[in-house]
Protein backbone atom coordinates (compact mmCIF):
# COMPACT_ATOMS: atom_id res chain seq x y z
CA MET A 1 73.53 86.02 28.58
CA PRO A 2 72.62 85.26 24.80
CA SER A 3 75.03 83.43 22.46
CA THR A 4 75.34 86.35 20.12
CA VAL A 5 74.48 90.00 20.31
CA SER A 6 72.98 91.94 17.32
CA VAL A 7 74.77 95.21 16.21
CA LEU A 8 73.17 97.33 13.49
CA LEU A 9 75.95 98.92 11.39
CA TYR A 10 74.82 101.70 9.33
CA SER A 11 77.14 103.30 6.75
CA SER A 12 76.58 104.27 3.01
CA ASP A 13 80.29 103.32 2.58
CA ALA A 14 81.19 99.57 2.37
CA ASP A 15 84.70 100.45 3.23
CA THR A 16 83.49 102.02 6.50
CA ARG A 17 81.41 98.96 7.36
CA ALA A 18 84.37 96.67 6.74
CA GLN A 19 86.63 98.85 9.00
CA VAL A 20 84.17 98.64 11.76
CA ARG A 21 83.69 94.91 11.54
CA LEU A 22 87.64 94.50 11.38
CA ALA A 23 87.95 96.74 14.39
CA VAL A 24 85.36 94.82 16.55
CA GLY A 25 86.13 91.42 15.35
CA ARG A 26 84.25 88.44 16.47
CA SER A 27 83.61 90.01 19.83
CA PRO A 28 84.57 93.56 21.35
CA ALA A 29 85.47 91.98 24.58
CA PRO A 30 86.13 88.58 26.30
CA ASP A 31 82.83 88.95 28.44
CA ILE A 32 80.77 89.88 25.35
CA PRO A 33 79.16 87.25 23.25
CA GLN A 34 80.00 87.00 19.50
CA VAL A 35 78.64 89.96 17.38
CA ALA A 36 76.11 89.38 14.54
CA PHE A 37 76.30 92.47 12.44
CA VAL A 38 73.04 93.70 10.59
CA GLU A 39 74.47 95.93 7.96
CA CYS A 40 72.34 98.83 6.48
CA ALA A 41 73.48 101.34 3.93
CA THR A 42 70.17 103.41 3.84
CA LEU A 43 67.84 105.14 6.44
CA PRO A 44 64.91 102.92 5.41
CA ALA A 45 66.93 99.72 5.90
CA VAL A 46 67.87 101.04 9.35
CA LEU A 47 64.23 101.62 10.37
CA LEU A 48 63.15 98.33 8.95
CA ALA A 49 66.07 96.36 10.88
CA LEU A 50 65.12 98.15 14.17
CA ASP A 51 61.37 97.13 13.59
CA ALA A 52 61.96 93.67 12.41
CA SER A 53 64.50 92.29 14.82
CA ARG A 54 66.06 92.57 18.23
CA ILE A 55 69.09 95.01 17.87
CA ASP A 56 71.47 95.41 21.13
CA ALA A 57 73.41 98.25 19.81
CA CYS A 58 73.83 100.45 16.67
CA VAL A 59 76.88 101.82 15.29
CA LEU A 60 76.11 104.73 12.92
CA ASP A 61 78.38 106.62 10.47
CA GLY A 62 78.21 110.23 10.91
CA GLU A 63 79.71 110.84 7.50
CA ALA A 64 77.15 108.56 5.63
CA VAL A 65 75.37 110.13 2.62
CA PRO A 66 72.89 111.32 2.06
CA ILE A 67 71.63 111.05 5.53
CA GLY A 68 74.50 111.20 8.16
CA GLY A 69 74.58 108.94 11.21
CA MET A 70 73.92 112.02 13.44
CA GLY A 71 70.57 112.62 11.77
CA VAL A 72 69.60 108.90 11.99
CA CYS A 73 70.68 108.75 15.62
CA TRP A 74 68.50 111.86 16.48
CA GLN A 75 65.63 110.27 14.50
CA ILE A 76 65.87 106.74 16.03
CA LYS A 77 66.32 108.09 19.50
CA ASN A 78 63.29 110.15 19.28
CA GLU A 79 61.03 107.76 17.26
CA VAL A 80 62.06 104.05 18.22
CA PHE A 81 60.50 102.63 21.49
CA GLN A 82 63.39 101.57 23.69
CA CYS A 83 66.04 102.57 21.11
CA PRO A 84 69.28 100.57 21.53
CA PRO A 85 72.37 102.33 22.56
CA VAL A 86 74.29 104.16 19.70
CA LEU A 87 77.92 104.46 19.06
CA LEU A 88 78.35 107.35 16.64
CA LEU A 89 81.33 107.45 14.21
CA ILE A 90 82.58 111.06 13.49
CA GLY A 91 85.11 112.21 10.94
CA ARG A 92 86.61 115.00 13.07
CA PRO A 93 87.13 115.13 16.91
CA GLN A 94 85.63 118.73 16.74
CA ASP A 95 82.31 117.24 15.65
CA ALA A 96 81.91 115.41 19.12
CA TRP A 97 79.74 118.19 20.40
CA LEU A 98 77.04 117.39 17.69
CA ALA A 99 76.84 113.97 19.32
CA THR A 100 75.10 115.70 22.19
CA TRP A 101 72.45 116.95 19.91
CA SER A 102 71.86 113.56 18.22
CA HIS A 103 71.60 111.77 21.54
CA ALA A 104 74.38 109.32 20.82
CA ASP A 105 75.70 107.20 23.80
CA ALA A 106 79.23 107.17 22.64
CA VAL A 107 81.28 108.65 19.99
CA VAL A 108 84.62 107.47 18.17
CA THR A 109 86.48 109.14 15.42
CA LEU A 110 87.27 107.62 12.04
CA PRO A 111 89.30 105.91 10.95
CA ALA A 112 88.10 103.29 13.47
CA ASP A 113 90.81 102.48 16.08
CA PRO A 114 90.33 98.96 17.02
CA VAL A 115 90.96 99.38 20.67
CA GLU A 116 88.73 102.33 20.98
CA THR A 117 85.94 101.12 18.87
CA ALA A 118 85.77 97.78 20.63
CA ALA A 119 86.00 99.19 24.12
CA SER A 120 83.21 101.74 23.23
CA LEU A 121 80.94 99.08 21.78
CA ALA A 122 81.71 96.59 24.70
CA ALA A 123 80.70 99.33 27.18
CA LEU A 124 77.33 100.05 25.37
CA LEU A 125 76.49 96.27 25.27
CA ARG A 126 77.28 95.84 28.89
CA ALA A 127 75.01 98.70 30.05
C-alpha cells in the first residue's frame, strides 16, 4: 500500500475545502494511508490535475460555482480514462437523486459531517 493517497478536492469555496480537510483529517480511517489533498477551484484545474498526476479519489462540491460538482463529476466520469471514484458533496439531501445522473460513487451533505465524510471517503479509497 502506498505511503499516501492522493485526493482531488474541488470547490470554488475555500471554506468548503477547509471543512472537508478538517473532516477527513490526516487519514479518513486507521487502515488508509495519510491523505495528500490536491485542491482545485476551477474545472480546468481539475482536468489538469487528473491528467498530470495519480489521483486515488475525488471529492467534488456540488455547490461550486460557476460549474457545480455534479457537472464536473458527469464530465470526468465520461471523459477521463479510469476515472477515480467520486464523493459528491451536496447542499440538500433532496439532491441525492442527481448523483445518479452525475455517476457519483458516494454522496454526503454539507456541512460535512466528519464521521460520514471520512467513512465515505475511506470506503471509496478501499475499493
